[in-house]
Each structure stands twice: as structure tokens, then as C-alpha cells.
């Protein structure tokens, strides 16, 4: 069975191009939102300046007043200059918006031509990988080893991500408890705002114990991973400090320290995650290149 190595490379390039276009469209649409908002604002201002000019040019009190005082020409020149300036700014912004719209249209057209490349590449790549593995080719052992290594690193990244999310949840929970407690203290108990704040605070206090348990499970779940890259001392100290004590949601000094420690733990784990991610990218790239370049 023959596989088109160059075709796989082309599909891979299209997949990477698709990722680039996705990010480009996100940035373009964000820019379009900003520019369009500016265009609408400038259009309203331009129409306001135009109305001022037209009001002066039409027979009426304003025109009569400036003619009587001998200031009509100067006032007209001023109003006209202000209108032209507003009009120029509007036209410039509108042209920028039109250019962005054109670029979005071109990018979307290109994106549509390669939108299925990721699926096509995965199908072709997996078909070739299955053939190499089942045929017992000389490189199959090395390829399987790299594949397993990449999968193991991917699993480590997932566990680390869950631990970071657990840290983030607890840190956010503690900060919000402190925030809503402060809001309640400064709000009349008869007001709707008080009831809303009290309801939010109750939910947050009830959620804290379960989130703390999730934190314990998630952090302990990455001990073997962090031990390889960072050692266990920091994580053990964190565990000794927080995992075997009752978490009080009413002691704000305590909560502030707890939240700060969770933020620090997330930062610490994130550095391990970055290390694992680099190892995964390297292993997967080697694995992918070997599969693509294997001649069959």
C-alpha cells in the first residue's frame, strides 16, 4: 500500500495555516468591533456638526443674530471647519472599517478552502500510522515508543491543568467571599442589593468546602509529576498547611492567606506545566515527522 508523504506534508501545512487563519480572524473581528464603534461615534458627531452648520445657514434666529452683529462670516467659517474636520475623521475611520471588512472576507474565503484539512490530515495520518504499526516495519517500535511518550505527557498536562483550575477556583471563591461580605456591610438590609449580595455570599460559602476537597484531590494527583520536575517540598508544605484543617469562610484574614497561597500554587504548577508542554511538543513533533517521512 502506497502513502503520499508529500500529500501528508501539504495537509499538515494546511492545518497549521488554518490555525493561523483562525487566530487572524479572531483578531480582525475584535479590531472590527473597536473600529465600528468608533465609526458610529464619529458619525453621530459629524451629523451633529452638520446640523449646527445647517442651522446657521437657514433663515432663523441664529443666522439673524450673527448677521446683525457682523459675525456671520467668521461663525460660518468656524462651523464649516468643524464639520469638515468631523467629516474627515469619520471618512478615515469608515475607510479603515472597509479595509478590515475586505480583509475579513478574504481571510474567511481562504479559511473555507482549508476548513476540513485538520480532519483530512488526521484521517491520512492515522491510516499510515496503523499500517506502519500493523506491518511491523523497522521503525514501528520507535514510533510506538514516541506515541506512548507523547500520550503520557499529554495526560500529565491534563492533570496539571486540573490542579491549576482547582487552585484558581478556591482563590476566586475566597476573594469573592471577602468582596460580598464587604458589600453587605455597606448595604441596608432592607434593600434588594443586600438580598442579592447575601444570596451570592451564601452560595460561595457553601461551595468552599467542596472546592477545597477538589483542590486536595487535584494537587495530590500531580505529586508524581511535580516530583520529577520541581521536587515535592513546596507541595508538601502547602498540603500540611491547608489540607488537614477546617476552612473557615468567616475568618477573612484566614481566607485572604488561603487565596494568596492558592494563587502562588497555581503559578508554581504552571511552570511545571510549561516544562511538560515543551517536552510534549518535542516528542509529538518527532513522532509526527517520523510517521510522515516513513516510506512505505
Protein backbone atom coordinates (compact mmCIF):
# COMPACT_ATOMS: atom_id res chain seq x y z
CA UNK A 1 0.00 0.00 0.00
CA UNK A 2 1.44 3.42 -1.02
CA UNK A 3 1.13 6.58 1.06
CA UNK A 4 1.73 10.08 -0.29
CA UNK A 5 4.31 11.62 2.04
CA UNK A 6 4.22 14.95 0.22
CA UNK A 7 0.43 14.95 0.43
CA UNK A 8 0.62 14.47 4.19
CA UNK A 9 3.10 17.34 4.48
CA UNK A 10 0.77 19.55 2.45
CA UNK A 11 -2.21 18.65 4.65
CA UNK A 12 -0.11 19.38 7.72
CA UNK A 13 0.79 22.80 6.33
CA UNK A 14 -2.88 23.49 5.60
CA UNK A 15 -3.78 22.52 9.17
CA UNK A 16 -1.19 24.95 10.53
CA UNK A 17 -2.44 27.59 8.11
CA UNK A 18 -5.98 27.01 9.36
CA UNK A 19 -4.83 27.63 12.95
CA UNK A 20 -3.15 30.84 11.81
CA UNK A 21 -6.28 31.99 9.98
CA UNK A 22 -8.47 31.20 12.99
CA UNK A 23 -6.32 33.42 15.17
CA UNK A 24 -6.18 36.10 12.48
CA UNK A 25 -9.98 36.16 12.18
CA UNK A 26 -10.32 36.46 15.94
CA UNK A 27 -8.02 39.48 15.98
CA UNK A 28 -9.66 41.04 12.91
CA UNK A 29 -13.15 40.70 14.34
CA UNK A 30 -12.01 42.20 17.62
CA UNK A 31 -10.43 45.10 15.72
CA UNK A 32 -13.58 45.49 13.62
CA UNK A 33 -15.71 45.81 16.75
CA UNK A 34 -13.47 48.61 18.05
CA UNK A 35 -13.31 50.47 14.73
CA UNK A 36 -17.05 50.09 14.05
CA UNK A 37 -17.82 51.55 17.49
CA UNK A 38 -15.53 54.46 16.66
CA UNK A 39 -17.18 54.92 13.24
CA UNK A 40 -20.65 55.10 14.80
CA UNK A 41 -19.43 57.58 17.39
CA UNK A 42 -17.76 59.76 14.74
CA UNK A 43 -20.82 59.55 12.51
CA UNK A 44 -23.05 60.88 15.28
CA UNK A 45 -20.59 63.68 15.98
CA UNK A 46 -20.33 64.54 12.27
CA UNK A 47 -24.13 64.68 11.95
CA UNK A 48 -24.22 66.96 14.98
CA UNK A 49 -21.66 69.31 13.42
CA UNK A 50 -23.55 69.21 10.12
CA UNK A 51 -26.77 70.13 11.90
CA UNK A 52 -25.04 73.10 13.55
CA UNK A 53 -23.83 74.31 10.14
CA UNK A 54 -27.25 73.86 8.51
CA UNK A 55 -28.93 75.65 11.39
CA UNK A 56 -26.66 78.63 10.80
CA UNK A 57 -27.20 78.63 7.03
CA UNK A 58 -31.01 78.50 7.25
CA UNK A 59 -33.01 81.67 7.89
CA UNK A 60 -33.64 81.84 11.60
CA UNK A 61 -32.67 83.34 14.91
CA UNK A 62 -29.05 82.13 14.78
CA UNK A 63 -28.50 83.44 11.26
CA UNK A 64 -30.19 86.75 12.05
CA UNK A 65 -28.17 87.24 15.25
CA UNK A 66 -24.78 86.71 13.60
CA UNK A 67 -25.71 88.86 10.58
CA UNK A 68 -26.83 91.72 12.82
CA UNK A 69 -23.65 91.51 14.91
CA UNK A 70 -21.49 91.27 11.79
CA UNK A 71 -20.02 87.95 12.86
CA UNK A 72 -21.80 85.66 10.38
CA UNK A 73 -18.81 85.02 8.10
CA UNK A 74 -16.50 84.18 11.00
CA UNK A 75 -19.09 81.94 12.64
CA UNK A 76 -19.87 80.22 9.34
CA UNK A 77 -16.17 79.59 8.69
CA UNK A 78 -15.85 78.11 12.19
CA UNK A 79 -18.88 75.83 11.86
CA UNK A 80 -17.83 74.74 8.37
CA UNK A 81 -14.28 73.95 9.55
CA UNK A 82 -15.62 71.92 12.48
CA UNK A 83 -17.94 69.99 10.16
CA UNK A 84 -15.16 69.29 7.65
CA UNK A 85 -12.83 68.09 10.42
CA UNK A 86 -15.55 65.79 11.82
CA UNK A 87 -16.35 64.55 8.31
CA UNK A 88 -12.69 63.82 7.54
CA UNK A 89 -12.29 61.85 10.78
CA UNK A 90 -15.45 59.89 10.03
CA UNK A 91 -14.37 59.10 6.45
CA UNK A 92 -10.93 57.96 7.62
CA UNK A 93 -12.45 55.61 10.20
CA UNK A 94 -15.04 54.36 7.70
CA UNK A 95 -12.26 53.59 5.20
CA UNK A 96 -10.36 51.69 7.88
CA UNK A 97 -13.51 49.70 8.64
CA UNK A 98 -13.98 48.92 4.94
CA UNK A 99 -10.39 47.66 4.70
CA UNK A 100 -10.92 45.44 7.72
CA UNK A 101 -14.14 44.08 6.21
CA UNK A 102 -12.29 43.29 2.98
CA UNK A 103 -9.52 41.53 4.88
CA UNK A 104 -12.06 39.52 6.87
CA UNK A 105 -13.83 38.49 3.66
CA UNK A 106 -10.54 37.36 2.06
CA UNK A 107 -9.45 35.51 5.19
CA UNK A 108 -12.82 33.78 5.57
CA UNK A 109 -12.69 32.71 1.90
CA UNK A 110 -9.25 31.17 2.37
CA UNK A 111 -10.36 29.55 5.62
CA UNK A 112 -13.32 27.88 3.89
CA UNK A 113 -10.98 26.33 1.30
CA UNK A 114 -8.98 24.51 4.01
CA UNK A 115 -11.52 24.17 6.83
CA UNK A 116 -11.56 20.37 6.55
CA UNK A 117 -7.77 19.99 6.34
CA UNK A 118 -7.45 19.04 10.01
CA UNK A 119 -9.86 16.14 9.60
CA UNK A 120 -8.27 15.08 6.31
CA UNK A 121 -4.79 15.16 7.83
CA UNK A 122 -5.88 13.16 10.89
CA UNK A 123 -7.51 10.51 8.71
CA UNK A 124 -4.49 10.16 6.41
CA UNK A 125 -2.00 10.28 9.28
CA UNK A 126 -3.83 7.67 11.38
CA UNK A 127 -4.23 5.39 8.37
CA UNK A 128 -0.50 5.49 7.76
CA UNK A 129 0.28 5.03 11.47
CA UNK A 130 -2.00 1.99 11.65
CA UNK A 131 -0.34 0.49 8.60
CA UNK A 132 3.18 1.05 9.99
CA UNK A 133 2.20 -0.44 13.34
CA UNK A 134 0.40 -3.47 11.92
CA UNK A 135 3.02 -4.17 9.26
CA UNK A 136 5.79 -4.37 11.86
CA UNK A 137 8.12 -2.12 9.93
CA UNK A 138 11.59 -1.49 11.43
CA UNK A 139 10.64 1.94 12.70
CA UNK A 140 7.34 0.79 14.22
CA UNK A 141 8.87 0.16 17.67
CA UNK A 142 10.42 3.64 17.78
CA UNK A 143 7.20 5.22 16.52
CA UNK A 144 5.08 3.40 19.11
CA UNK A 145 7.52 4.48 21.82
CA UNK A 146 7.28 8.14 20.78
CA UNK A 147 3.49 7.87 20.52
CA UNK A 148 3.24 6.45 24.04
CA UNK A 149 5.62 9.08 25.36
CA UNK A 150 3.54 11.87 23.82
CA UNK A 151 0.31 10.41 25.20
CA UNK A 152 1.82 10.12 28.68
CA UNK A 153 2.97 13.75 28.58
CA UNK A 154 -0.46 14.80 27.34
CA UNK A 155 -2.04 13.03 30.32
CA UNK A 156 0.37 14.85 32.65
CA UNK A 157 -0.63 18.17 31.09
CA UNK A 158 -4.29 17.37 31.69
CA UNK A 159 -3.69 16.53 35.37
CA UNK A 160 -1.64 19.69 35.87
CA UNK A 161 -4.32 21.77 34.18
CA UNK A 162 -6.96 20.32 36.52
CA UNK A 163 -4.77 21.17 39.52
CA UNK A 164 -4.31 24.75 38.30
CA UNK A 165 -8.05 25.09 37.76
CA UNK A 166 -8.72 23.82 41.29
CA UNK A 167 -6.30 26.41 42.69
CA UNK A 168 -7.99 29.11 40.63
CA UNK A 169 -11.46 28.08 41.82
CA UNK A 170 -10.51 28.27 45.50
CA UNK A 171 -8.63 31.57 45.10
CA UNK A 172 -11.61 33.09 43.27
CA UNK A 173 -14.02 31.72 45.87
CA UNK A 174 -12.12 33.23 48.80
CA UNK A 175 -11.80 36.62 47.11
CA UNK A 176 -15.50 36.73 46.27
CA UNK A 177 -16.50 35.79 49.82
CA UNK A 178 -14.45 38.73 51.11
CA UNK A 179 -15.89 41.03 48.43
CA UNK A 180 -19.55 40.21 49.04
CA UNK A 181 -19.06 40.36 52.81
CA UNK A 182 -17.76 43.90 52.40
CA UNK A 183 -20.68 44.80 50.11
CA UNK A 184 -23.18 43.51 52.66
CA UNK A 185 -21.54 45.50 55.43
CA UNK A 186 -22.14 48.70 53.50
CA UNK A 187 -25.69 47.97 52.30
CA UNK A 188 -29.04 48.36 54.01
CA UNK A 189 -30.57 45.01 54.95
CA UNK A 190 -33.91 46.19 53.54
CA UNK A 191 -32.57 46.73 50.02
CA UNK A 192 -32.72 44.38 47.02
CA UNK A 193 -28.95 44.70 46.66
CA UNK A 194 -28.46 43.31 50.15
CA UNK A 195 -30.57 40.25 49.33
CA UNK A 196 -28.60 39.70 46.13
CA UNK A 197 -25.26 40.05 47.91
CA UNK A 198 -26.39 37.78 50.75
CA UNK A 199 -27.57 35.13 48.27
CA UNK A 200 -24.26 35.21 46.41
CA UNK A 201 -22.32 35.04 49.67
CA UNK A 202 -24.34 32.04 50.86
CA UNK A 203 -23.66 30.16 47.62
CA UNK A 204 -19.93 30.94 47.82
CA UNK A 205 -19.64 29.83 51.45
CA UNK A 206 -21.45 26.58 50.68
CA UNK A 207 -19.17 25.93 47.69
CA UNK A 208 -15.88 26.49 49.52
CA UNK A 209 -15.64 23.09 51.31
CA UNK A 210 -16.23 21.09 48.11
CA UNK A 211 -13.78 23.23 46.17
CA UNK A 212 -11.21 22.76 48.91
CA UNK A 213 -11.69 18.98 48.66
CA UNK A 214 -11.27 19.20 44.89
CA UNK A 215 -8.08 21.17 45.44
CA UNK A 216 -6.69 18.48 47.75
CA UNK A 217 -7.52 15.72 45.28
CA UNK A 218 -6.12 17.62 42.28
CA UNK A 219 -2.86 18.70 43.92
CA UNK A 220 -2.19 15.28 45.43
CA UNK A 221 -2.93 13.84 41.98
CA UNK A 222 0.09 15.60 40.47
CA UNK A 223 2.63 14.67 43.16
CA UNK A 224 4.38 12.13 40.92
CA UNK A 225 4.52 14.64 38.06
CA UNK A 226 5.86 17.62 40.00
CA UNK A 227 8.36 15.44 41.86
CA UNK A 228 10.11 14.78 38.53
CA UNK A 229 10.42 18.44 37.59
CA UNK A 230 10.19 20.50 40.77
CA UNK A 231 10.54 18.30 43.84
CA UNK A 232 7.83 17.77 46.46
CA UNK A 233 8.89 20.07 49.31
CA UNK A 234 6.80 23.07 48.26
CA UNK A 235 3.72 20.94 47.61
CA UNK A 236 4.05 19.05 50.88
CA UNK A 237 4.28 22.31 52.83
CA UNK A 238 1.15 23.54 51.09
CA UNK A 239 -0.62 20.28 51.92
CA UNK A 240 0.45 20.40 55.58
CA UNK A 241 -0.80 23.96 55.83
CA UNK A 242 -4.21 23.57 54.24
CA UNK A 243 -5.35 20.00 53.60
CA UNK A 244 -5.89 18.84 57.18
CA UNK A 245 -7.70 21.78 58.70
CA UNK A 246 -11.22 23.15 58.73
CA UNK A 247 -11.61 26.02 56.30
CA UNK A 248 -13.49 28.89 57.95
CA UNK A 249 -15.39 31.04 55.46
CA UNK A 250 -15.96 33.79 58.04
CA UNK A 251 -12.35 34.47 59.00
CA UNK A 252 -11.36 36.90 56.27
CA UNK A 253 -7.73 37.16 57.32
CA UNK A 254 -7.52 33.39 57.06
CA UNK A 255 -9.33 33.40 53.70
CA UNK A 256 -7.01 36.04 52.26
CA UNK A 257 -3.94 33.95 53.14
CA UNK A 258 -5.62 30.81 51.76
CA UNK A 259 -6.45 32.53 48.47
CA UNK A 260 -2.97 34.02 48.16
CA UNK A 261 -1.38 30.61 48.74
CA UNK A 262 -3.65 29.07 46.09
CA UNK A 263 -2.62 31.77 43.60
CA UNK A 264 1.03 31.00 44.36
CA UNK A 265 0.40 27.28 43.98
CA UNK A 266 -1.22 27.84 40.57
CA UNK A 267 1.82 29.84 39.45
CA UNK A 268 4.14 27.09 40.68
CA UNK A 269 2.21 24.35 38.88
CA UNK A 270 2.00 26.48 35.73
CA UNK A 271 5.79 26.48 35.48
CA UNK A 272 5.80 22.68 35.64
CA UNK A 273 3.03 22.66 33.02
CA UNK A 274 5.18 24.77 30.69
CA UNK A 275 8.06 22.31 31.08
CA UNK A 276 5.84 19.32 30.36
CA UNK A 277 4.21 21.10 27.43
CA UNK A 278 7.60 21.71 25.82
CA UNK A 279 8.55 18.06 26.27
CA UNK A 280 5.20 17.01 24.79
CA UNK A 281 5.59 19.31 21.78
CA UNK A 282 9.08 17.98 21.14
CA UNK A 283 8.03 14.32 21.50
CA UNK A 284 4.91 14.70 19.39
CA UNK A 285 6.73 16.60 16.67
CA UNK A 286 9.38 13.88 16.45
CA UNK A 287 6.66 11.23 16.38
CA UNK A 288 4.65 13.07 13.72
CA UNK A 289 7.65 13.76 11.48
CA UNK A 290 8.77 10.12 11.71
CA UNK A 291 5.34 8.84 10.66
CA UNK A 292 5.04 11.34 7.80
CA UNK A 293 8.54 10.67 6.43
CA UNK A 294 8.46 6.88 6.70
CA UNK A 295 8.49 5.49 3.17
CA UNK A 296 6.07 2.65 2.51
